[in-house]
Amino acid sequence: GRWLGVVYAPEGSDTDCGTGSPQAERRAYR
């Protein structure tokens, strides 16, 4: 609906969240 599921690094961090590569199976972010 009007809600977005988002992923984000902690403030001030340059952590790669791992969302920029393909993943064939739809699953919960871990």
PDB file of all heavy atoms in Angstrom:
ATOM      1  N   GLY A   1       0.833  -1.197   0.000  1.00  0.00           N
ATOM      2  CA  GLY A   1       0.000   0.000   0.000  1.00  0.00           C
ATOM      3  C   GLY A   1       0.868   1.247   0.000  1.00  0.00           C
ATOM      4  O   GLY A   1       1.740   1.402  -0.839  1.00  0.00           O
ATOM      5  N   ARG A   2       0.646   2.128   0.982  1.00  0.00           N
ATOM      6  CA  ARG A   2       1.413   3.375   1.094  1.00  0.00           C
ATOM      7  C   ARG A   2       2.667   3.221   1.960  1.00  0.00           C
ATOM      8  O   ARG A   2       3.279   4.203   2.355  1.00  0.00           O
ATOM      9  CB  ARG A   2       0.525   4.489   1.670  1.00  0.00           C
ATOM     10  CG  ARG A   2      -0.634   4.882   0.782  1.00  0.00           C
ATOM     11  CD  ARG A   2      -0.253   5.704  -0.428  1.00  0.00           C
ATOM     12  NE  ARG A   2       0.371   6.952  -0.022  1.00  0.00           N
ATOM     13  CZ  ARG A   2       1.321   7.555  -0.714  1.00  0.00           C
ATOM     14  NH1 ARG A   2       1.760   7.071  -1.828  1.00  0.00           N
ATOM     15  NH2 ARG A   2       1.846   8.687  -0.278  1.00  0.00           N
ATOM     16  N   TRP A   3       3.057   1.991   2.264  1.00  0.00           N
ATOM     17  CA  TRP A   3       4.229   1.741   3.102  1.00  0.00           C
ATOM     18  C   TRP A   3       5.314   1.071   2.277  1.00  0.00           C
ATOM     19  O   TRP A   3       5.057   0.182   1.472  1.00  0.00           O
ATOM     20  CB  TRP A   3       3.837   0.870   4.294  1.00  0.00           C
ATOM     21  CG  TRP A   3       2.968   1.627   5.239  1.00  0.00           C
ATOM     22  CD1 TRP A   3       1.616   1.785   5.160  1.00  0.00           C
ATOM     23  CD2 TRP A   3       3.394   2.379   6.368  1.00  0.00           C
ATOM     24  NE1 TRP A   3       1.175   2.590   6.185  1.00  0.00           N
ATOM     25  CE2 TRP A   3       2.246   2.960   6.946  1.00  0.00           C
ATOM     26  CE3 TRP A   3       4.624   2.618   6.954  1.00  0.00           C
ATOM     27  CZ2 TRP A   3       2.305   3.774   8.078  1.00  0.00           C
ATOM     28  CZ3 TRP A   3       4.690   3.418   8.083  1.00  0.00           C
ATOM     29  CH2 TRP A   3       3.530   3.984   8.634  1.00  0.00           C
ATOM     30  N   LEU A   4       6.549   1.519   2.503  1.00  0.00           N
ATOM     31  CA  LEU A   4       7.706   0.989   1.792  1.00  0.00           C
ATOM     32  C   LEU A   4       8.603   0.208   2.747  1.00  0.00           C
ATOM     33  O   LEU A   4       8.924   0.689   3.836  1.00  0.00           O
ATOM     34  CB  LEU A   4       8.515   2.132   1.173  1.00  0.00           C
ATOM     35  CG  LEU A   4       7.779   3.037   0.188  1.00  0.00           C
ATOM     36  CD1 LEU A   4       8.687   4.187  -0.236  1.00  0.00           C
ATOM     37  CD2 LEU A   4       7.297   2.248  -1.014  1.00  0.00           C
ATOM     38  N   GLY A   5       9.007  -0.966   2.317  1.00  0.00           N
ATOM     39  CA  GLY A   5       9.995  -1.742   3.054  1.00  0.00           C
ATOM     40  C   GLY A   5      11.371  -1.281   2.623  1.00  0.00           C
ATOM     41  O   GLY A   5      11.709  -1.334   1.432  1.00  0.00           O
ATOM     42  N   VAL A   6      12.151  -0.784   3.571  1.00  0.00           N
ATOM     43  CA  VAL A   6      13.452  -0.204   3.243  1.00  0.00           C
ATOM     44  C   VAL A   6      14.582  -0.902   3.989  1.00  0.00           C
ATOM     45  O   VAL A   6      14.382  -1.497   5.048  1.00  0.00           O
ATOM     46  CB  VAL A   6      13.487   1.311   3.547  1.00  0.00           C
ATOM     47  CG1 VAL A   6      12.457   2.056   2.696  1.00  0.00           C
ATOM     48  CG2 VAL A   6      13.267   1.605   5.021  1.00  0.00           C
ATOM     49  N   VAL A   7      15.760  -0.788   3.409  1.00  0.00           N
ATOM     50  CA  VAL A   7      17.003  -1.275   4.009  1.00  0.00           C
ATOM     51  C   VAL A   7      17.955  -0.091   4.026  1.00  0.00           C
ATOM     52  O   VAL A   7      18.018   0.668   3.054  1.00  0.00           O
ATOM     53  CB  VAL A   7      17.583  -2.446   3.180  1.00  0.00           C
ATOM     54  CG1 VAL A   7      18.968  -2.814   3.652  1.00  0.00           C
ATOM     55  CG2 VAL A   7      16.651  -3.657   3.233  1.00  0.00           C
ATOM     56  N   TYR A   8      18.692   0.081   5.121  1.00  0.00           N
ATOM     57  CA  TYR A   8      19.598   1.226   5.231  1.00  0.00           C
ATOM     58  C   TYR A   8      20.734   0.896   6.195  1.00  0.00           C
ATOM     59  O   TYR A   8      20.571   0.144   7.150  1.00  0.00           O
ATOM     60  CB  TYR A   8      18.853   2.479   5.698  1.00  0.00           C
ATOM     61  CG  TYR A   8      18.112   2.291   7.001  1.00  0.00           C
ATOM     62  CD1 TYR A   8      18.678   2.719   8.203  1.00  0.00           C
ATOM     63  CD2 TYR A   8      16.876   1.667   7.038  1.00  0.00           C
ATOM     64  CE1 TYR A   8      18.015   2.522   9.398  1.00  0.00           C
ATOM     65  CE2 TYR A   8      16.209   1.473   8.220  1.00  0.00           C
ATOM     66  CZ  TYR A   8      16.777   1.899   9.407  1.00  0.00           C
ATOM     67  OH  TYR A   8      16.119   1.700  10.591  1.00  0.00           O
ATOM     68  N   ALA A   9      21.897   1.474   5.892  1.00  0.00           N
ATOM     69  CA  ALA A   9      23.067   1.290   6.756  1.00  0.00           C
ATOM     70  C   ALA A   9      22.932   2.193   7.981  1.00  0.00           C
ATOM     71  O   ALA A   9      22.256   3.222   7.921  1.00  0.00           O
ATOM     72  CB  ALA A   9      24.333   1.639   5.979  1.00  0.00           C
ATOM     73  N   PRO A  10      23.563   1.839   9.078  1.00  0.00           N
ATOM     74  CA  PRO A  10      23.554   2.721  10.246  1.00  0.00           C
ATOM     75  C   PRO A  10      24.112   4.096   9.886  1.00  0.00           C
ATOM     76  O   PRO A  10      24.956   4.215   8.994  1.00  0.00           O
ATOM     77  CB  PRO A  10      24.467   2.006  11.249  1.00  0.00           C
ATOM     78  CG  PRO A  10      24.461   0.580  10.821  1.00  0.00           C
ATOM     79  CD  PRO A  10      24.308   0.605   9.323  1.00  0.00           C
ATOM     80  N   GLU A  11      23.630   5.126  10.562  1.00  0.00           N
ATOM     81  CA  GLU A  11      24.068   6.512  10.322  1.00  0.00           C
ATOM     82  C   GLU A  11      25.592   6.599  10.336  1.00  0.00           C
ATOM     83  O   GLU A  11      26.255   6.088  11.236  1.00  0.00           O
ATOM     84  CB  GLU A  11      23.488   7.433  11.400  1.00  0.00           C
ATOM     85  CG  GLU A  11      23.787   8.894  11.187  1.00  0.00           C
ATOM     86  CD  GLU A  11      22.931   9.521  10.093  1.00  0.00           C
ATOM     87  OE1 GLU A  11      21.738   9.217  10.035  1.00  0.00           O
ATOM     88  OE2 GLU A  11      23.479  10.318   9.312  1.00  0.00           O
ATOM     89  N   GLY A  12      26.156   7.222   9.291  1.00  0.00           N
ATOM     90  CA  GLY A  12      27.600   7.430   9.224  1.00  0.00           C
ATOM     91  C   GLY A  12      28.391   6.214   8.770  1.00  0.00           C
ATOM     92  O   GLY A  12      29.606   6.258   8.674  1.00  0.00           O
ATOM     93  N   SER A  13      27.713   5.122   8.451  1.00  0.00           N
ATOM     94  CA  SER A  13      28.387   3.899   8.035  1.00  0.00           C
ATOM     95  C   SER A  13      28.410   3.792   6.517  1.00  0.00           C
ATOM     96  O   SER A  13      27.510   4.268   5.838  1.00  0.00           O
ATOM     97  CB  SER A  13      27.648   2.690   8.624  1.00  0.00           C
ATOM     98  OG  SER A  13      28.090   1.496   8.023  1.00  0.00           O
ATOM     99  N   ASP A  14      29.430   3.155   5.976  1.00  0.00           N
ATOM    100  CA  ASP A  14      29.477   2.902   4.536  1.00  0.00           C
ATOM    101  C   ASP A  14      29.294   1.407   4.256  1.00  0.00           C
ATOM    102  O   ASP A  14      29.759   0.875   3.253  1.00  0.00           O
ATOM    103  CB  ASP A  14      30.770   3.431   3.931  1.00  0.00           C
ATOM    104  CG  ASP A  14      32.015   2.777   4.519  1.00  0.00           C
ATOM    105  OD1 ASP A  14      31.887   1.988   5.487  1.00  0.00           O
ATOM    106  OD2 ASP A  14      33.115   3.032   4.005  1.00  0.00           O
ATOM    107  N   THR A  15      28.608   0.712   5.160  1.00  0.00           N
ATOM    108  CA  THR A  15      28.349  -0.716   5.032  1.00  0.00           C
ATOM    109  C   THR A  15      27.599  -1.018   3.739  1.00  0.00           C
ATOM    110  O   THR A  15      26.628  -0.342   3.406  1.00  0.00           O
ATOM    111  CB  THR A  15      27.509  -1.223   6.227  1.00  0.00           C
ATOM    112  OG1 THR A  15      28.219  -0.956   7.425  1.00  0.00           O
ATOM    113  CG2 THR A  15      27.214  -2.702   6.127  1.00  0.00           C
ATOM    114  N   ASP A  16      28.048  -2.039   3.014  1.00  0.00           N
ATOM    115  CA  ASP A  16      27.326  -2.524   1.841  1.00  0.00           C
ATOM    116  C   ASP A  16      26.200  -3.428   2.352  1.00  0.00           C
ATOM    117  O   ASP A  16      26.456  -4.461   2.965  1.00  0.00           O
ATOM    118  CB  ASP A  16      28.269  -3.307   0.929  1.00  0.00           C
ATOM    119  CG  ASP A  16      27.575  -3.887  -0.284  1.00  0.00           C
ATOM    120  OD1 ASP A  16      26.347  -3.695  -0.455  1.00  0.00           O
ATOM    121  OD2 ASP A  16      28.266  -4.548  -1.087  1.00  0.00           O
ATOM    122  N   CYS A  17      24.968  -3.029   2.096  1.00  0.00           N
ATOM    123  CA  CYS A  17      23.818  -3.767   2.621  1.00  0.00           C
ATOM    124  C   CYS A  17      23.514  -5.040   1.839  1.00  0.00           C
ATOM    125  O   CYS A  17      22.668  -5.840   2.247  1.00  0.00           O
ATOM    126  CB  CYS A  17      22.587  -2.866   2.643  1.00  0.00           C
ATOM    127  SG  CYS A  17      22.757  -1.486   3.803  1.00  0.00           S
ATOM    128  N   GLY A  18      24.180  -5.251   0.707  1.00  0.00           N
ATOM    129  CA  GLY A  18      24.002  -6.483  -0.049  1.00  0.00           C
ATOM    130  C   GLY A  18      22.722  -6.549  -0.862  1.00  0.00           C
ATOM    131  O   GLY A  18      22.248  -7.636  -1.169  1.00  0.00           O
ATOM    132  N   THR A  19      22.171  -5.390  -1.229  1.00  0.00           N
ATOM    133  CA  THR A  19      20.919  -5.385  -1.990  1.00  0.00           C
ATOM    134  C   THR A  19      21.137  -5.066  -3.470  1.00  0.00           C
ATOM    135  O   THR A  19      20.172  -5.024  -4.224  1.00  0.00           O
ATOM    136  CB  THR A  19      19.941  -4.346  -1.403  1.00  0.00           C
ATOM    137  OG1 THR A  19      20.569  -3.061  -1.433  1.00  0.00           O
ATOM    138  CG2 THR A  19      19.555  -4.707   0.018  1.00  0.00           C
ATOM    139  N   GLY A  20      22.381  -4.874  -3.880  1.00  0.00           N
ATOM    140  CA  GLY A  20      22.684  -4.492  -5.250  1.00  0.00           C
ATOM    141  C   GLY A  20      23.034  -5.644  -6.162  1.00  0.00           C
ATOM    142  O   GLY A  20      23.440  -5.437  -7.296  1.00  0.00           O
ATOM    143  N   SER A  21      22.884  -6.873  -5.699  1.00  0.00           N
ATOM    144  CA  SER A  21      23.165  -8.051  -6.510  1.00  0.00           C
ATOM    145  C   SER A  21      21.884  -8.862  -6.682  1.00  0.00           C
ATOM    146  O   SER A  21      21.028  -8.854  -5.800  1.00  0.00           O
ATOM    147  CB  SER A  21      24.216  -8.931  -5.828  1.00  0.00           C
ATOM    148  OG  SER A  21      25.421  -8.214  -5.692  1.00  0.00           O
ATOM    149  N   PRO A  22      21.777  -9.595  -7.788  1.00  0.00           N
ATOM    150  CA  PRO A  22      20.583 -10.406  -8.002  1.00  0.00           C
ATOM    151  C   PRO A  22      20.404 -11.482  -6.927  1.00  0.00           C
ATOM    152  O   PRO A  22      21.378 -12.009  -6.382  1.00  0.00           O
ATOM    153  CB  PRO A  22      20.834 -11.062  -9.362  1.00  0.00           C
ATOM    154  CG  PRO A  22      21.794 -10.155 -10.045  1.00  0.00           C
ATOM    155  CD  PRO A  22      22.664  -9.619  -8.943  1.00  0.00           C
ATOM    156  N   GLN A  23      19.164 -11.758  -6.651  1.00  0.00           N
ATOM    157  CA  GLN A  23      18.788 -12.826  -5.713  1.00  0.00           C
ATOM    158  C   GLN A  23      17.502 -13.448  -6.276  1.00  0.00           C
ATOM    159  O   GLN A  23      16.450 -12.809  -6.258  1.00  0.00           O
ATOM    160  CB  GLN A  23      18.551 -12.242  -4.332  1.00  0.00           C
ATOM    161  CG  GLN A  23      18.151 -13.275  -3.316  1.00  0.00           C
ATOM    162  CD  GLN A  23      17.949 -12.627  -1.968  1.00  0.00           C
ATOM    163  OE1 GLN A  23      18.847 -11.997  -1.438  1.00  0.00           O
ATOM    164  NE2 GLN A  23      16.761 -12.794  -1.431  1.00  0.00           N
ATOM    165  N   ALA A  24      17.602 -14.628  -6.798  1.00  0.00           N
ATOM    166  CA  ALA A  24      16.476 -15.252  -7.501  1.00  0.00           C
ATOM    167  C   ALA A  24      15.274 -15.486  -6.593  1.00  0.00           C
ATOM    168  O   ALA A  24      14.136 -15.298  -6.994  1.00  0.00           O
ATOM    169  CB  ALA A  24      16.921 -16.559  -8.144  1.00  0.00           C
ATOM    170  N   GLU A  25      15.503 -15.891  -5.367  1.00  0.00           N
ATOM    171  CA  GLU A  25      14.414 -16.211  -4.441  1.00  0.00           C
ATOM    172  C   GLU A  25      13.994 -14.985  -3.642  1.00  0.00           C
ATOM    173  O   GLU A  25      14.839 -14.256  -3.134  1.00  0.00           O
ATOM    174  CB  GLU A  25      14.889 -17.308  -3.479  1.00  0.00           C
ATOM    175  CG  GLU A  25      13.853 -17.744  -2.492  1.00  0.00           C
ATOM    176  CD  GLU A  25      14.418 -18.755  -1.500  1.00  0.00           C
ATOM    177  OE1 GLU A  25      15.264 -19.576  -1.908  1.00  0.00           O
ATOM    178  OE2 GLU A  25      14.021 -18.715  -0.317  1.00  0.00           O
ATOM    179  N   ARG A  26      12.692 -14.752  -3.536  1.00  0.00           N
ATOM    180  CA  ARG A  26      12.174 -13.644  -2.709  1.00  0.00           C
ATOM    181  C   ARG A  26      12.177 -14.123  -1.263  1.00  0.00           C
ATOM    182  O   ARG A  26      11.601 -15.160  -0.946  1.00  0.00           O
ATOM    183  CB  ARG A  26      10.752 -13.294  -3.162  1.00  0.00           C
ATOM    184  CG  ARG A  26      10.206 -12.064  -2.495  1.00  0.00           C
ATOM    185  CD  ARG A  26       9.983 -10.991  -3.541  1.00  0.00           C
ATOM    186  NE  ARG A  26       9.261  -9.844  -3.005  1.00  0.00           N
ATOM    187  CZ  ARG A  26       9.825  -8.673  -2.838  1.00  0.00           C
ATOM    188  NH1 ARG A  26      11.087  -8.494  -3.149  1.00  0.00           N
ATOM    189  NH2 ARG A  26       9.139  -7.660  -2.382  1.00  0.00           N
ATOM    190  N   ARG A  27      12.838 -13.367  -0.380  1.00  0.00           N
ATOM    191  CA  ARG A  27      12.905 -13.763   1.030  1.00  0.00           C
ATOM    192  C   ARG A  27      13.118 -12.552   1.926  1.00  0.00           C
ATOM    193  O   ARG A  27      13.413 -11.465   1.453  1.00  0.00           O
ATOM    194  CB  ARG A  27      14.013 -14.782   1.252  1.00  0.00           C
ATOM    195  CG  ARG A  27      15.400 -14.250   1.004  1.00  0.00           C
ATOM    196  CD  ARG A  27      16.470 -15.255   1.418  1.00  0.00           C
ATOM    197  NE  ARG A  27      17.789 -14.856   1.010  1.00  0.00           N
ATOM    198  CZ  ARG A  27      18.560 -13.995   1.662  1.00  0.00           C
ATOM    199  NH1 ARG A  27      18.148 -13.426   2.766  1.00  0.00           N
ATOM    200  NH2 ARG A  27      19.774 -13.701   1.232  1.00  0.00           N
ATOM    201  N   ALA A  28      12.975 -12.753   3.217  1.00  0.00           N
ATOM    202  CA  ALA A  28      13.172 -11.683   4.200  1.00  0.00           C
ATOM    203  C   ALA A  28      14.627 -11.224   4.175  1.00  0.00           C
ATOM    204  O   ALA A  28      15.544 -12.046   4.055  1.00  0.00           O
ATOM    205  CB  ALA A  28      12.794 -12.183   5.588  1.00  0.00           C
ATOM    206  N   TYR A  29      14.828  -9.912   4.283  1.00  0.00           N
ATOM    207  CA  TYR A  29      16.176  -9.363   4.324  1.00  0.00           C
ATOM    208  C   TYR A  29      16.878  -9.840   5.586  1.00  0.00           C
ATOM    209  O   TYR A  29      16.352  -9.748   6.694  1.00  0.00           O
ATOM    210  CB  TYR A  29      16.140  -7.830   4.291  1.00  0.00           C
ATOM    211  CG  TYR A  29      17.518  -7.227   4.402  1.00  0.00           C
ATOM    212  CD1 TYR A  29      18.389  -7.294   3.322  1.00  0.00           C
ATOM    213  CD2 TYR A  29      17.951  -6.629   5.564  1.00  0.00           C
ATOM    214  CE1 TYR A  29      19.672  -6.768   3.400  1.00  0.00           C
ATOM    215  CE2 TYR A  29      19.226  -6.095   5.657  1.00  0.00           C
ATOM    216  CZ  TYR A  29      20.081  -6.172   4.580  1.00  0.00           C
ATOM    217  OH  TYR A  29      21.357  -5.660   4.670  1.00  0.00           O
ATOM    218  N   ARG A  30      18.105 -10.370   5.413  1.00  0.00           N
ATOM    219  CA  ARG A  30      18.895 -10.854   6.546  1.00  0.00           C
ATOM    220  C   ARG A  30      20.334 -10.369   6.457  1.00  0.00           C
ATOM    221  O   ARG A  30      21.238 -11.040   6.923  1.00  0.00           O
ATOM    222  CB  ARG A  30      18.879 -12.382   6.580  1.00  0.00           C
ATOM    223  CG  ARG A  30      17.541 -12.965   6.942  1.00  0.00           C
ATOM    224  CD  ARG A  30      17.638 -14.480   7.114  1.00  0.00           C
ATOM    225  NE  ARG A  30      16.438 -15.086   6.590  1.00  0.00           N
ATOM    226  CZ  ARG A  30      16.356 -15.815   5.495  1.00  0.00           C
ATOM    227  NH1 ARG A  30      17.423 -16.077   4.787  1.00  0.00           N
ATOM    228  NH2 ARG A  30      15.210 -16.317   5.094  1.00  0.00           N
TER     229      ARG A  30
END
